[in-house]
Amino acid sequence: MKRKICAIGTGQGVSIPREMLEKLRLSVGSEVDLKLDEKNNTVVITRVEKKEHHKGVNMGFVSQVNDFIEKYRPALKELSKK
């Protein structure tokens, strides 16, 4: 199915047909993982499953760790190779 890149605010994007969203159980506000498959020159969108957290887990701390990982992902990826 062909789609065109469109303007979304100050960015750009592609609309996803309703049938695909329904099959993937996605809706406005759903979290997805976006990956570039350079070998096949494709973009892969995967629905993110919400994980249950154990009692006593501080969600503020989890959020800070996630922000840190996103900010330093390239450096952490390089460190993991060593």
N, C-alpha and C. Protein backbone atom coordinates (compact mmCIF):
# COMPACT_ATOMS: atom_id res chain seq x y z
N MET A 1 0.84 -1.17 0.00
CA MET A 1 0.00 0.00 0.00
C MET A 1 0.89 1.24 0.00
N LYS A 2 0.67 2.11 -0.92
CA LYS A 2 1.46 3.34 -1.01
C LYS A 2 0.85 4.43 -0.15
N ARG A 3 1.70 5.18 0.54
CA ARG A 3 1.28 6.32 1.35
C ARG A 3 2.25 7.46 1.06
N LYS A 4 1.81 8.68 1.31
CA LYS A 4 2.68 9.85 1.13
C LYS A 4 3.08 10.40 2.49
N ILE A 5 4.29 10.94 2.54
CA ILE A 5 4.76 11.64 3.74
C ILE A 5 3.96 12.93 3.84
N CYS A 6 3.48 13.23 5.05
CA CYS A 6 2.71 14.46 5.24
C CYS A 6 3.31 15.26 6.40
N ALA A 7 2.97 16.53 6.44
CA ALA A 7 3.44 17.41 7.52
C ALA A 7 2.60 17.14 8.77
N ILE A 8 3.30 17.02 9.91
CA ILE A 8 2.64 16.85 11.20
C ILE A 8 3.32 17.82 12.16
N GLY A 9 2.69 18.95 12.42
CA GLY A 9 3.33 19.98 13.24
C GLY A 9 4.61 20.43 12.57
N THR A 10 5.72 20.37 13.31
CA THR A 10 7.01 20.75 12.73
C THR A 10 7.75 19.53 12.18
N GLY A 11 7.11 18.37 12.24
CA GLY A 11 7.72 17.14 11.74
C GLY A 11 7.02 16.61 10.52
N GLN A 12 7.28 15.36 10.24
CA GLN A 12 6.66 14.69 9.10
C GLN A 12 6.26 13.29 9.52
N GLY A 13 5.31 12.71 8.82
CA GLY A 13 4.87 11.38 9.19
C GLY A 13 4.07 10.73 8.08
N VAL A 14 3.60 9.54 8.39
CA VAL A 14 2.80 8.74 7.48
C VAL A 14 1.57 8.29 8.23
N SER A 15 0.40 8.41 7.63
CA SER A 15 -0.80 7.91 8.29
C SER A 15 -0.87 6.40 8.11
N ILE A 16 -1.42 5.75 9.11
CA ILE A 16 -1.56 4.29 9.09
C ILE A 16 -3.04 3.98 8.91
N PRO A 17 -3.37 3.18 7.92
CA PRO A 17 -4.79 2.87 7.68
C PRO A 17 -5.46 2.23 8.89
N ARG A 18 -6.73 2.54 9.09
CA ARG A 18 -7.50 2.07 10.23
C ARG A 18 -7.47 0.55 10.35
N GLU A 19 -7.55 -0.16 9.22
CA GLU A 19 -7.56 -1.63 9.26
C GLU A 19 -6.27 -2.16 9.90
N MET A 20 -5.14 -1.55 9.56
CA MET A 20 -3.86 -1.98 10.13
C MET A 20 -3.81 -1.66 11.62
N LEU A 21 -4.28 -0.49 11.99
CA LEU A 21 -4.29 -0.10 13.40
C LEU A 21 -5.14 -1.07 14.21
N GLU A 22 -6.28 -1.46 13.67
CA GLU A 22 -7.17 -2.38 14.38
C GLU A 22 -6.52 -3.75 14.54
N LYS A 23 -5.86 -4.24 13.49
CA LYS A 23 -5.21 -5.55 13.58
C LYS A 23 -4.07 -5.54 14.58
N LEU A 24 -3.38 -4.40 14.70
CA LEU A 24 -2.27 -4.28 15.66
C LEU A 24 -2.75 -3.83 17.03
N ARG A 25 -4.05 -3.58 17.17
CA ARG A 25 -4.64 -3.08 18.42
C ARG A 25 -3.97 -1.77 18.85
N LEU A 26 -3.87 -0.85 17.90
CA LEU A 26 -3.29 0.47 18.16
C LEU A 26 -4.37 1.54 18.04
N SER A 27 -4.22 2.60 18.83
CA SER A 27 -5.12 3.74 18.74
C SER A 27 -4.34 4.99 19.14
N VAL A 28 -4.98 6.13 19.09
CA VAL A 28 -4.32 7.38 19.48
C VAL A 28 -3.76 7.23 20.88
N GLY A 29 -2.48 7.54 21.05
CA GLY A 29 -1.83 7.44 22.34
C GLY A 29 -1.10 6.13 22.57
N SER A 30 -1.31 5.14 21.68
CA SER A 30 -0.59 3.87 21.82
C SER A 30 0.89 4.10 21.64
N GLU A 31 1.68 3.32 22.38
CA GLU A 31 3.13 3.42 22.27
C GLU A 31 3.63 2.37 21.28
N VAL A 32 4.50 2.79 20.36
CA VAL A 32 5.07 1.87 19.37
C VAL A 32 6.58 1.99 19.38
N ASP A 33 7.23 0.95 18.89
CA ASP A 33 8.68 0.95 18.72
C ASP A 33 8.93 1.07 17.22
N LEU A 34 9.80 1.99 16.85
CA LEU A 34 10.10 2.26 15.45
C LEU A 34 11.55 1.89 15.19
N LYS A 35 11.77 1.00 14.22
CA LYS A 35 13.13 0.57 13.90
C LYS A 35 13.39 0.71 12.41
N LEU A 36 14.61 1.10 12.09
CA LEU A 36 15.04 1.19 10.69
C LEU A 36 15.82 -0.07 10.37
N ASP A 37 15.36 -0.81 9.37
CA ASP A 37 16.07 -1.99 8.89
C ASP A 37 16.82 -1.56 7.63
N GLU A 38 18.07 -1.12 7.85
CA GLU A 38 18.86 -0.58 6.74
C GLU A 38 19.17 -1.64 5.68
N LYS A 39 19.32 -2.87 6.11
CA LYS A 39 19.63 -3.95 5.16
C LYS A 39 18.51 -4.10 4.13
N ASN A 40 17.27 -4.05 4.59
CA ASN A 40 16.12 -4.21 3.70
C ASN A 40 15.47 -2.88 3.30
N ASN A 41 16.06 -1.77 3.78
CA ASN A 41 15.56 -0.43 3.46
C ASN A 41 14.07 -0.30 3.83
N THR A 42 13.76 -0.73 5.07
CA THR A 42 12.39 -0.68 5.55
C THR A 42 12.32 -0.08 6.95
N VAL A 43 11.13 0.37 7.29
CA VAL A 43 10.85 0.85 8.64
C VAL A 43 9.87 -0.14 9.26
N VAL A 44 10.16 -0.58 10.49
CA VAL A 44 9.31 -1.57 11.17
C VAL A 44 8.68 -0.90 12.38
N ILE A 45 7.36 -0.98 12.47
CA ILE A 45 6.62 -0.43 13.60
C ILE A 45 6.05 -1.59 14.40
N THR A 46 6.37 -1.64 15.70
CA THR A 46 5.91 -2.71 16.56
C THR A 46 5.17 -2.12 17.76
N ARG A 47 4.03 -2.71 18.09
CA ARG A 47 3.27 -2.26 19.26
C ARG A 47 4.06 -2.59 20.52
N VAL A 48 4.14 -1.64 21.44
CA VAL A 48 4.83 -1.85 22.72
C VAL A 48 3.82 -2.37 23.72
N GLU A 49 4.14 -3.51 24.30
CA GLU A 49 3.28 -4.09 25.34
C GLU A 49 3.56 -3.37 26.65
N LYS A 50 2.52 -2.96 27.33
CA LYS A 50 2.68 -2.35 28.65
C LYS A 50 3.08 -3.44 29.63
N LYS A 51 4.15 -3.19 30.37
CA LYS A 51 4.63 -4.16 31.34
C LYS A 51 4.07 -3.84 32.72
N GLU A 52 3.72 -4.88 33.42
CA GLU A 52 3.28 -4.72 34.80
C GLU A 52 4.52 -4.55 35.67
N HIS A 53 4.46 -3.62 36.60
CA HIS A 53 5.58 -3.39 37.51
C HIS A 53 5.27 -4.01 38.87
N HIS A 54 6.29 -4.51 39.49
CA HIS A 54 6.13 -5.11 40.81
C HIS A 54 5.79 -4.03 41.83
N LYS A 55 5.10 -4.43 42.86
CA LYS A 55 4.79 -3.50 43.94
C LYS A 55 6.09 -2.99 44.52
N GLY A 56 6.12 -1.72 44.87
CA GLY A 56 7.30 -1.13 45.48
C GLY A 56 8.25 -0.51 44.47
N VAL A 57 7.98 -0.70 43.17
CA VAL A 57 8.85 -0.08 42.16
C VAL A 57 8.46 1.38 42.04
N ASN A 58 9.45 2.25 42.18
CA ASN A 58 9.22 3.69 42.09
C ASN A 58 9.16 4.08 40.61
N MET A 59 7.97 4.43 40.13
CA MET A 59 7.80 4.73 38.71
C MET A 59 8.55 6.00 38.29
N GLY A 60 8.77 6.92 39.22
CA GLY A 60 9.58 8.11 38.93
C GLY A 60 11.01 7.72 38.58
N PHE A 61 11.55 6.78 39.36
CA PHE A 61 12.90 6.29 39.11
C PHE A 61 12.95 5.54 37.78
N VAL A 62 11.95 4.72 37.51
CA VAL A 62 11.89 3.99 36.23
C VAL A 62 11.89 4.98 35.07
N SER A 63 11.14 6.04 35.20
CA SER A 63 11.09 7.07 34.15
C SER A 63 12.45 7.73 33.95
N GLN A 64 13.14 8.03 35.06
CA GLN A 64 14.48 8.64 34.96
C GLN A 64 15.46 7.69 34.27
N VAL A 65 15.40 6.42 34.61
CA VAL A 65 16.28 5.43 33.98
C VAL A 65 15.99 5.34 32.48
N ASN A 66 14.71 5.30 32.11
CA ASN A 66 14.34 5.24 30.70
C ASN A 66 14.82 6.48 29.95
N ASP A 67 14.69 7.66 30.56
CA ASP A 67 15.18 8.90 29.93
C ASP A 67 16.69 8.84 29.73
N PHE A 68 17.40 8.34 30.74
CA PHE A 68 18.86 8.21 30.66
C PHE A 68 19.25 7.28 29.51
N ILE A 69 18.57 6.14 29.42
CA ILE A 69 18.87 5.18 28.37
C ILE A 69 18.64 5.79 26.99
N GLU A 70 17.53 6.50 26.82
CA GLU A 70 17.25 7.13 25.53
C GLU A 70 18.30 8.20 25.18
N LYS A 71 18.68 9.00 26.18
CA LYS A 71 19.66 10.07 25.95
C LYS A 71 21.03 9.52 25.57
N TYR A 72 21.44 8.43 26.22
CA TYR A 72 22.79 7.90 26.02
C TYR A 72 22.80 6.56 25.26
N ARG A 73 21.73 6.27 24.53
CA ARG A 73 21.63 4.99 23.81
C ARG A 73 22.83 4.71 22.92
N PRO A 74 23.31 5.66 22.08
CA PRO A 74 24.47 5.35 21.23
C PRO A 74 25.71 4.97 22.04
N ALA A 75 25.98 5.70 23.12
CA ALA A 75 27.15 5.40 23.94
C ALA A 75 27.00 4.05 24.64
N LEU A 76 25.78 3.76 25.14
CA LEU A 76 25.55 2.49 25.81
C LEU A 76 25.68 1.33 24.83
N LYS A 77 25.25 1.55 23.59
CA LYS A 77 25.37 0.51 22.57
C LYS A 77 26.83 0.20 22.28
N GLU A 78 27.65 1.26 22.19
CA GLU A 78 29.09 1.08 21.95
C GLU A 78 29.75 0.37 23.14
N LEU A 79 29.37 0.76 24.34
CA LEU A 79 29.95 0.13 25.54
C LEU A 79 29.58 -1.36 25.59
N SER A 80 28.41 -1.70 25.14
CA SER A 80 27.99 -3.11 25.19
C SER A 80 28.82 -3.99 24.26
N LYS A 81 29.48 -3.40 23.28
CA LYS A 81 30.29 -4.15 22.33
C LYS A 81 31.67 -4.48 22.89
N LYS A 82 32.03 -3.81 24.00
CA LYS A 82 33.38 -3.99 24.56
C LYS A 82 33.43 -5.05 25.60
